[in-house]
Amino acid sequence: MAEDLFKDKIIAHSQHVLRVGQHCNTEETTKQALILPFLDVLGFNSYDPTKVKAEYSADFVGAKCGERVDYALFCHNDPVMFIEAKSWNENLTNHSPQLSRYFNATPEVAVAAITNGREWRFFTDLKDKNIMDDTPFLRISFESFDITKIDHLRQFCYDKFQPEALRTLAEESIYLTSFTRTISSSLKDVDLEFVRYVAGRSNVGRQLNQRFLESITPIVKQAVEKAVSAMVVSGLSGKNEEPEPVSNEEIDETAPIVDPENSKIVTTYTERLLFDYVSLILGDNELSMKDTESYLSILYKEKTNRWILRYFDNKQRPCICVPIELSEQHHSEIKRAGLEMNGSNIIIDRPENILRISGLIQDCLEYCQNDDNFRLKKNK
């Protein structure tokens, strides 16, 4: 239950950032409206000076430079994380050296972060002890929130904060990025070493000289494409198959998925993201998605007549339509969310924007759950 509560709070915060972020045109407004509320979600109450201290002194020992970091987070009376705050529109890259000075001056601090409210970049000291790395080990964007990062954020919570665990997370993130890049490169641009590895493991019964390897390179490329496609289809269907050494996410999570029975039905990455965001809004309520040549339906109990919404991703401006008549309250929610209407359709330029109208999506689910709505339709 606690995990679900944290997930709900993170989703609510991402909605909040999308809703009010554009109004945060100063650093102080950004702090009050976006940064401190996020710290509260992590369990660092901004009104508790034993957990959050503003304008914390971060000078090197013996130096009196007046260096002060915007926020220092404390666990058990020890500073564990520094946060440098910038206004909504500022580029974070230009300010990393300033953050590194604070971090390097305080050895007991395990993690440093810089944020403008919409993006958070987390750093540690993997390369050289007590020297902040040049690149962040984790980036979080609340404008286009990646739901797979929720478990990462959970480790920053006050009651779970363990510096060594975060360093392990940092190492794993860096390895994952490096391995993903190598695997993707190997699969996209198949070289002779990769062909030799595949042929050797496949026991082809031939001498693996250069001439033979060059002759089978096109076949290996086809095999790679077929294997990746099969993994994607298997992942969508939920079939339990033998685990593969490389997951689809490690190869190319944005690749479109072609229906093996109808090549005109292509499930795009944005369609899959939209389904993930709707699942976050509605929770475990027997949802499924069904793609067609024209639109993606999100269904209740896999019943095609009980569609919660239809998503048209192939239009110039992607949009959704819903099965219920929009009330005045719904129109107000859409307007508050800053979304546009095109007739009865709601423009969803980016899949994460669906989070802004969670109330309407909840009402659509309730409509589909009510058997009376469908008995009435049947009798008409």
Protein backbone atom coordinates (compact mmCIF):
# COMPACT_ATOMS: atom_id res chain seq x y z
CA MET A 1 0.00 0.00 0.00
CA ALA A 2 2.85 2.37 0.90
CA GLU A 3 4.45 1.76 -2.51
CA ASP A 4 1.18 2.54 -4.28
CA LEU A 5 0.83 5.72 -2.22
CA PHE A 6 4.31 6.87 -3.24
CA LYS A 7 3.57 6.14 -6.88
CA ASP A 8 0.34 8.15 -6.66
CA LYS A 9 2.19 11.07 -5.07
CA ILE A 10 4.83 11.07 -7.81
CA ILE A 11 2.17 11.02 -10.53
CA ALA A 12 0.28 13.83 -8.80
CA HIS A 13 3.50 15.86 -8.59
CA SER A 14 4.20 15.37 -12.31
CA GLN A 15 0.68 16.63 -13.04
CA HIS A 16 1.32 19.60 -10.76
CA VAL A 17 4.56 20.45 -12.60
CA LEU A 18 2.81 20.31 -15.98
CA ARG A 19 -0.02 22.49 -14.67
CA VAL A 20 1.86 25.31 -12.93
CA GLY A 21 5.46 25.12 -14.11
CA GLN A 22 5.14 27.71 -16.83
CA HIS A 23 4.17 30.28 -14.19
CA CYS A 24 7.43 29.82 -12.24
CA ASN A 25 9.49 32.59 -13.81
CA THR A 26 11.76 33.24 -10.81
CA GLU A 27 13.99 31.00 -8.76
CA GLU A 28 12.07 31.64 -5.55
CA THR A 29 8.74 30.79 -7.16
CA THR A 30 10.25 27.62 -8.57
CA LYS A 31 11.49 26.64 -5.11
CA GLN A 32 8.14 27.23 -3.42
CA ALA A 33 5.89 25.80 -6.13
CA LEU A 34 7.92 22.87 -7.48
CA ILE A 35 11.06 21.95 -5.55
CA LEU A 36 9.89 21.96 -1.92
CA PRO A 37 6.69 20.02 -2.77
CA PHE A 38 8.85 17.32 -4.36
CA LEU A 39 11.01 17.13 -1.24
CA ASP A 40 7.83 16.65 0.77
CA VAL A 41 6.92 13.69 -1.50
CA LEU A 42 10.31 12.17 -0.67
CA GLY A 43 9.61 12.56 3.04
CA PHE A 44 11.89 15.56 3.60
CA ASN A 45 9.47 17.99 5.22
CA SER A 46 10.61 21.48 4.29
CA TYR A 47 9.25 22.80 7.61
CA ASP A 48 11.47 20.43 9.60
CA PRO A 49 14.98 21.94 9.99
CA THR A 50 16.33 18.55 11.12
CA LYS A 51 15.59 17.27 7.60
CA VAL A 52 15.88 20.32 5.32
CA LYS A 53 18.19 23.28 5.81
CA ALA A 54 18.16 26.19 3.38
CA GLU A 55 21.26 28.24 2.49
CA TYR A 56 23.54 25.65 4.03
CA SER A 57 27.23 26.58 4.36
CA ALA A 58 29.37 24.46 2.01
CA ASP A 59 32.85 25.97 2.29
CA PHE A 60 36.07 23.94 2.26
CA VAL A 61 37.58 23.50 5.71
CA GLY A 62 39.51 26.64 6.66
CA ALA A 63 38.11 28.63 3.74
CA LYS A 64 35.69 31.51 4.26
CA CYS A 65 34.25 32.01 0.80
CA GLY A 66 30.64 32.24 1.89
CA GLU A 67 29.60 29.32 -0.32
CA ARG A 68 26.03 28.27 0.47
CA VAL A 69 24.02 25.57 -1.23
CA ASP A 70 20.28 26.18 -1.63
CA TYR A 71 19.20 23.08 0.31
CA ALA A 72 20.92 20.40 2.36
CA LEU A 73 18.94 17.27 3.20
CA PHE A 74 19.69 15.55 6.50
CA CYS A 75 19.22 12.02 7.76
CA HIS A 76 20.01 11.29 11.43
CA ASN A 77 21.68 14.70 11.84
CA ASP A 78 24.10 14.17 8.94
CA PRO A 79 23.94 16.00 5.59
CA VAL A 80 23.34 13.40 2.88
CA MET A 81 22.34 15.38 -0.18
CA PHE A 82 22.82 18.88 -1.60
CA ILE A 83 20.34 20.56 -3.94
CA GLU A 84 21.07 23.56 -6.12
CA ALA A 85 17.88 25.26 -7.29
CA LYS A 86 17.37 27.25 -10.48
CA SER A 87 14.34 28.89 -12.02
CA TRP A 88 12.07 27.02 -14.43
CA ASN A 89 13.62 28.38 -17.64
CA GLU A 90 17.30 28.05 -16.71
CA ASN A 91 19.65 25.59 -18.42
CA LEU A 92 20.99 23.23 -15.76
CA THR A 93 24.19 22.35 -17.61
CA ASN A 94 25.69 25.78 -17.07
CA HIS A 95 25.45 25.46 -13.29
CA SER A 96 26.97 22.01 -12.62
CA PRO A 97 30.44 23.43 -11.69
CA GLN A 98 28.82 25.49 -8.94
CA LEU A 99 27.15 22.38 -7.53
CA SER A 100 30.42 20.41 -7.71
CA ARG A 101 32.16 22.98 -5.47
CA TYR A 102 29.54 22.46 -2.77
CA PHE A 103 29.73 18.66 -3.10
CA ASN A 104 33.54 18.48 -3.10
CA ALA A 105 33.75 20.60 0.05
CA THR A 106 31.54 18.23 2.07
CA PRO A 107 32.80 14.61 2.03
CA GLU A 108 29.92 13.24 4.10
CA VAL A 109 27.40 14.19 1.37
CA ALA A 110 26.75 11.22 -0.94
CA VAL A 111 24.54 12.78 -3.59
CA ALA A 112 24.08 16.19 -5.17
CA ALA A 113 21.24 17.35 -7.38
CA ILE A 114 20.53 20.36 -9.54
CA THR A 115 17.01 21.19 -10.63
CA ASN A 116 14.80 23.78 -12.25
CA GLY A 117 11.67 22.05 -11.00
CA ARG A 118 10.86 20.38 -14.29
CA GLU A 119 14.11 18.41 -14.52
CA TRP A 120 16.28 16.88 -11.81
CA ARG A 121 19.88 15.74 -12.35
CA PHE A 122 21.51 13.58 -9.67
CA PHE A 123 25.29 13.25 -9.25
CA THR A 124 27.69 11.29 -7.06
CA ASP A 125 31.44 10.52 -6.96
CA LEU A 126 32.00 7.23 -8.77
CA LYS A 127 35.10 8.28 -10.71
CA ASP A 128 37.08 9.99 -7.92
CA LYS A 129 36.16 9.79 -4.25
CA ASN A 130 34.68 13.09 -2.94
CA ILE A 131 34.91 14.66 -6.42
CA MET A 132 31.53 15.06 -8.11
CA ASP A 133 31.26 13.28 -11.46
CA ASP A 134 30.85 15.42 -14.56
CA THR A 135 27.75 13.56 -15.73
CA PRO A 136 24.60 12.74 -13.73
CA PHE A 137 23.80 9.11 -13.01
CA LEU A 138 20.07 9.82 -13.07
CA ARG A 139 17.88 12.35 -14.86
CA ILE A 140 14.21 12.84 -14.07
CA SER A 141 11.97 14.96 -16.28
CA PHE A 142 8.53 15.74 -14.90
CA GLU A 143 7.51 17.24 -18.25
CA SER A 144 7.81 13.82 -19.91
CA PHE A 145 7.89 11.55 -16.90
CA ASP A 146 9.23 8.02 -17.35
CA ILE A 147 7.22 5.78 -15.04
CA THR A 148 10.03 3.22 -14.92
CA LYS A 149 12.03 5.72 -12.83
CA ILE A 150 9.59 5.57 -9.88
CA ASP A 151 11.55 2.76 -8.20
CA HIS A 152 14.74 4.82 -8.57
CA LEU A 153 13.12 7.81 -6.91
CA ARG A 154 11.93 5.60 -4.07
CA GLN A 155 15.55 5.18 -2.96
CA PHE A 156 15.78 8.94 -2.32
CA CYS A 157 12.99 8.82 0.27
CA TYR A 158 13.91 9.85 3.82
CA ASP A 159 13.06 6.47 5.32
CA LYS A 160 15.00 4.55 2.64
CA PHE A 161 17.97 6.86 2.08
CA GLN A 162 21.18 4.77 2.08
CA PRO A 163 24.25 6.39 0.47
CA GLU A 164 25.84 3.09 -0.57
CA ALA A 165 22.60 1.90 -2.15
CA LEU A 166 22.47 5.11 -4.17
CA ARG A 167 26.08 4.64 -5.29
CA THR A 168 25.10 1.13 -6.41
CA LEU A 169 22.17 2.61 -8.32
CA ALA A 170 24.56 5.11 -9.90
CA GLU A 171 26.97 2.36 -10.97
CA GLU A 172 24.15 0.24 -12.39
CA SER A 173 22.73 3.23 -14.29
CA ILE A 174 26.10 4.00 -15.87
CA TYR A 175 26.69 0.34 -16.75
CA LEU A 176 23.19 0.06 -18.20
CA THR A 177 23.71 3.13 -20.38
CA SER A 178 27.08 1.87 -21.59
CA PHE A 179 25.89 -1.69 -22.20
CA THR A 180 22.74 -0.47 -23.96
CA ARG A 181 24.79 1.73 -26.27
CA THR A 182 27.13 -1.16 -27.11
CA ILE A 183 24.32 -3.68 -27.66
CA SER A 184 22.30 -1.26 -29.77
CA SER A 185 25.35 -0.42 -31.85
CA SER A 186 26.18 -4.10 -32.32
CA LEU A 187 22.64 -4.94 -33.42
CA LYS A 188 22.23 -1.96 -35.73
CA ASP A 189 25.68 -2.14 -37.34
CA VAL A 190 26.53 -5.83 -37.34
CA ASP A 191 30.32 -6.32 -37.61
CA LEU A 192 32.33 -9.46 -38.33
CA GLU A 193 33.12 -10.08 -34.65
CA PHE A 194 29.41 -10.19 -33.86
CA VAL A 195 28.77 -12.44 -36.88
CA ARG A 196 31.60 -14.74 -35.72
CA TYR A 197 30.07 -14.92 -32.22
CA VAL A 198 26.60 -15.80 -33.59
CA ALA A 199 27.93 -18.38 -36.04
CA GLY A 200 30.18 -19.94 -33.40
CA ARG A 201 27.34 -20.27 -30.88
CA SER A 202 25.04 -21.66 -33.59
CA ASN A 203 27.31 -24.60 -34.52
CA VAL A 204 26.98 -24.01 -38.27
CA GLY A 205 29.61 -26.64 -39.04
CA ARG A 206 31.73 -24.41 -41.24
CA GLN A 207 35.17 -22.90 -40.92
CA LEU A 208 34.65 -19.33 -39.74
CA ASN A 209 36.99 -17.59 -42.16
CA GLN A 210 36.48 -14.02 -43.30
CA ARG A 211 34.96 -14.96 -46.65
CA PHE A 212 32.32 -17.14 -45.02
CA LEU A 213 31.58 -14.55 -42.31
CA GLU A 214 31.09 -11.82 -44.92
CA SER A 215 28.74 -14.07 -46.89
CA ILE A 216 26.47 -14.72 -43.89
CA THR A 217 26.50 -11.14 -42.51
CA PRO A 218 23.20 -10.22 -44.31
CA ILE A 219 21.60 -13.37 -42.89
CA VAL A 220 22.73 -12.51 -39.37
CA LYS A 221 21.25 -9.01 -39.80
CA GLN A 222 17.91 -10.56 -40.79
CA ALA A 223 18.11 -12.93 -37.83
CA VAL A 224 18.70 -9.99 -35.46
CA GLU A 225 15.64 -8.16 -36.82
CA LYS A 226 13.51 -11.30 -36.53
CA ALA A 227 14.69 -12.06 -32.99
CA VAL A 228 14.04 -8.51 -31.79
CA SER A 229 10.58 -8.51 -33.38
CA ALA A 230 9.76 -11.85 -31.74
CA MET A 231 10.84 -10.54 -28.31
CA VAL A 232 8.64 -7.47 -28.72
CA VAL A 233 5.59 -9.51 -29.73
CA SER A 234 6.23 -11.95 -26.88
CA GLY A 235 6.45 -9.08 -24.41
CA LEU A 236 3.11 -7.63 -25.54
CA SER A 237 1.29 -10.96 -25.49
CA GLY A 238 2.53 -11.75 -21.98
CA LYS A 239 3.60 -15.27 -22.94
CA ASN A 240 6.05 -16.94 -20.59
CA GLU A 241 9.02 -17.86 -22.73
CA GLU A 242 12.67 -18.57 -22.08
CA PRO A 243 14.42 -15.47 -20.72
CA GLU A 244 16.62 -13.69 -23.26
CA PRO A 245 20.05 -12.28 -22.41
CA VAL A 246 19.05 -8.86 -23.73
CA SER A 247 15.65 -7.29 -23.10
CA ASN A 248 13.73 -5.25 -25.63
CA GLU A 249 14.24 -2.12 -23.54
CA GLU A 250 18.00 -2.56 -23.81
CA ILE A 251 17.77 -2.71 -27.60
CA ASP A 252 15.35 0.04 -28.61
CA GLU A 253 12.34 0.72 -26.45
CA THR A 254 11.05 3.30 -28.95
CA ALA A 255 10.83 0.90 -31.89
CA PRO A 256 7.36 0.51 -33.46
CA ILE A 257 5.73 -2.91 -33.14
CA VAL A 258 4.23 -4.41 -36.28
CA ASP A 259 1.33 -6.84 -35.90
CA PRO A 260 2.61 -10.16 -37.33
CA GLU A 261 -0.87 -10.90 -38.75
CA ASN A 262 -1.50 -7.45 -40.25
CA SER A 263 1.47 -5.30 -41.25
CA LYS A 264 -0.80 -2.23 -41.50
CA ILE A 265 -1.32 -2.29 -37.72
CA VAL A 266 1.72 -0.63 -36.15
CA THR A 267 1.78 0.11 -32.42
CA THR A 268 3.97 3.15 -31.87
CA TYR A 269 6.06 4.00 -28.83
CA THR A 270 3.77 6.94 -28.02
CA GLU A 271 0.75 4.63 -28.07
CA ARG A 272 2.45 2.30 -25.61
CA LEU A 273 3.42 5.25 -23.41
CA LEU A 274 -0.17 6.51 -23.43
CA PHE A 275 -1.38 3.10 -22.26
CA ASP A 276 1.21 3.15 -19.44
CA TYR A 277 0.06 6.60 -18.30
CA VAL A 278 -3.63 5.60 -18.39
CA SER A 279 -2.70 2.50 -16.34
CA LEU A 280 -1.05 4.78 -13.79
CA ILE A 281 -4.21 6.87 -13.54
CA LEU A 282 -6.62 3.94 -13.27
CA GLY A 283 -4.49 1.36 -11.47
CA ASP A 284 -5.10 -2.37 -11.78
CA ASN A 285 -8.57 -2.32 -13.34
CA GLU A 286 -8.39 -5.04 -16.00
CA LEU A 287 -7.15 -2.72 -18.71
CA SER A 288 -5.89 -3.83 -22.10
CA MET A 289 -5.08 -2.15 -25.36
CA LYS A 290 -6.20 -3.10 -28.84
CA ASP A 291 -4.59 -1.47 -31.85
CA THR A 292 -6.22 -1.05 -35.25
CA GLU A 293 -5.14 0.56 -38.50
CA SER A 294 -6.80 3.83 -37.46
CA TYR A 295 -6.58 4.13 -33.68
CA LEU A 296 -5.57 2.50 -30.41
CA SER A 297 -8.35 1.53 -28.00
CA ILE A 298 -7.87 1.13 -24.26
CA LEU A 299 -10.43 -1.43 -23.16
CA TYR A 300 -12.06 -2.53 -19.93
CA LYS A 301 -12.02 -6.34 -19.47
CA GLU A 302 -10.90 -6.72 -23.11
CA LYS A 303 -14.43 -5.89 -24.28
CA THR A 304 -14.34 -3.95 -27.53
CA ASN A 305 -17.64 -2.17 -26.77
CA ARG A 306 -16.28 -0.97 -23.39
CA TRP A 307 -13.51 1.29 -24.57
CA ILE A 308 -12.25 3.86 -22.12
CA LEU A 309 -10.71 6.01 -24.83
CA ARG A 310 -9.50 5.87 -28.42
CA TYR A 311 -6.15 7.40 -29.30
CA PHE A 312 -5.45 8.64 -32.82
CA ASP A 313 -1.67 8.82 -33.13
CA ASN A 314 -1.52 9.01 -36.92
CA LYS A 315 -3.10 12.45 -37.19
CA GLN A 316 -1.20 15.71 -37.59
CA ARG A 317 -2.09 16.44 -33.98
CA PRO A 318 -2.67 13.28 -31.93
CA CYS A 319 -5.94 13.25 -30.02
CA ILE A 320 -8.31 11.10 -28.01
CA CYS A 321 -12.04 10.62 -28.01
CA VAL A 322 -13.99 9.27 -25.04
CA PRO A 323 -17.24 7.28 -24.81
CA ILE A 324 -19.04 9.74 -22.55
CA GLU A 325 -20.63 13.08 -23.22
CA LEU A 326 -18.38 15.82 -21.88
CA SER A 327 -20.00 17.73 -19.05
CA GLU A 328 -19.33 21.33 -18.07
CA GLN A 329 -17.05 19.98 -15.33
CA HIS A 330 -15.09 17.97 -17.89
CA HIS A 331 -14.69 21.01 -20.13
CA SER A 332 -13.40 22.97 -17.15
CA GLU A 333 -10.87 20.21 -16.35
CA ILE A 334 -9.66 20.21 -19.97
CA LYS A 335 -9.34 23.99 -19.95
CA ARG A 336 -7.44 24.01 -16.63
CA ALA A 337 -5.09 21.40 -18.07
CA GLY A 338 -4.25 23.75 -20.93
CA LEU A 339 -5.42 21.23 -23.55
CA GLU A 340 -7.23 22.07 -26.78
CA MET A 341 -10.36 20.57 -28.32
CA ASN A 342 -10.94 19.68 -31.95
CA GLY A 343 -14.67 19.13 -32.14
CA SER A 344 -15.39 16.41 -29.60
CA ASN A 345 -11.77 15.20 -29.59
CA ILE A 346 -9.12 16.27 -27.05
CA ILE A 347 -5.69 17.11 -28.45
CA ILE A 348 -2.93 15.07 -26.75
CA ASP A 349 0.28 16.27 -28.39
CA ARG A 350 2.39 14.31 -25.90
CA PRO A 351 1.23 11.10 -24.18
CA GLU A 352 2.10 12.39 -20.69
CA ASN A 353 -0.50 15.15 -21.14
CA ILE A 354 -3.17 12.53 -20.42
CA LEU A 355 -2.13 12.85 -16.76
CA ARG A 356 -3.60 16.36 -16.74
CA ILE A 357 -7.16 15.06 -17.22
CA SER A 358 -7.11 12.13 -14.81
CA GLY A 359 -10.59 12.99 -13.51
CA LEU A 360 -12.13 12.62 -16.97
CA ILE A 361 -10.32 9.31 -17.53
CA GLN A 362 -11.61 8.02 -14.17
CA ASP A 363 -15.15 8.93 -15.23
CA CYS A 364 -14.68 6.99 -18.49
CA LEU A 365 -13.65 3.89 -16.53
CA GLU A 366 -16.66 4.21 -14.23
CA TYR A 367 -18.89 4.46 -17.31
CA CYS A 368 -17.41 1.24 -18.70
CA GLN A 369 -17.75 -0.55 -15.35
CA ASN A 370 -21.48 0.20 -15.14
CA ASP A 371 -23.36 -2.69 -16.81
CA ASP A 372 -26.53 -0.60 -17.02
CA ASN A 373 -24.94 1.69 -19.60
CA PHE A 374 -24.52 -1.24 -21.97
CA ARG A 375 -27.88 -2.87 -21.29
CA LEU A 376 -29.54 0.41 -22.25
CA LYS A 377 -27.55 0.58 -25.47
CA LYS A 378 -28.56 -2.97 -26.29
CA ASN A 379 -32.26 -2.24 -25.96
CA LYS A 380 -32.17 0.82 -28.23
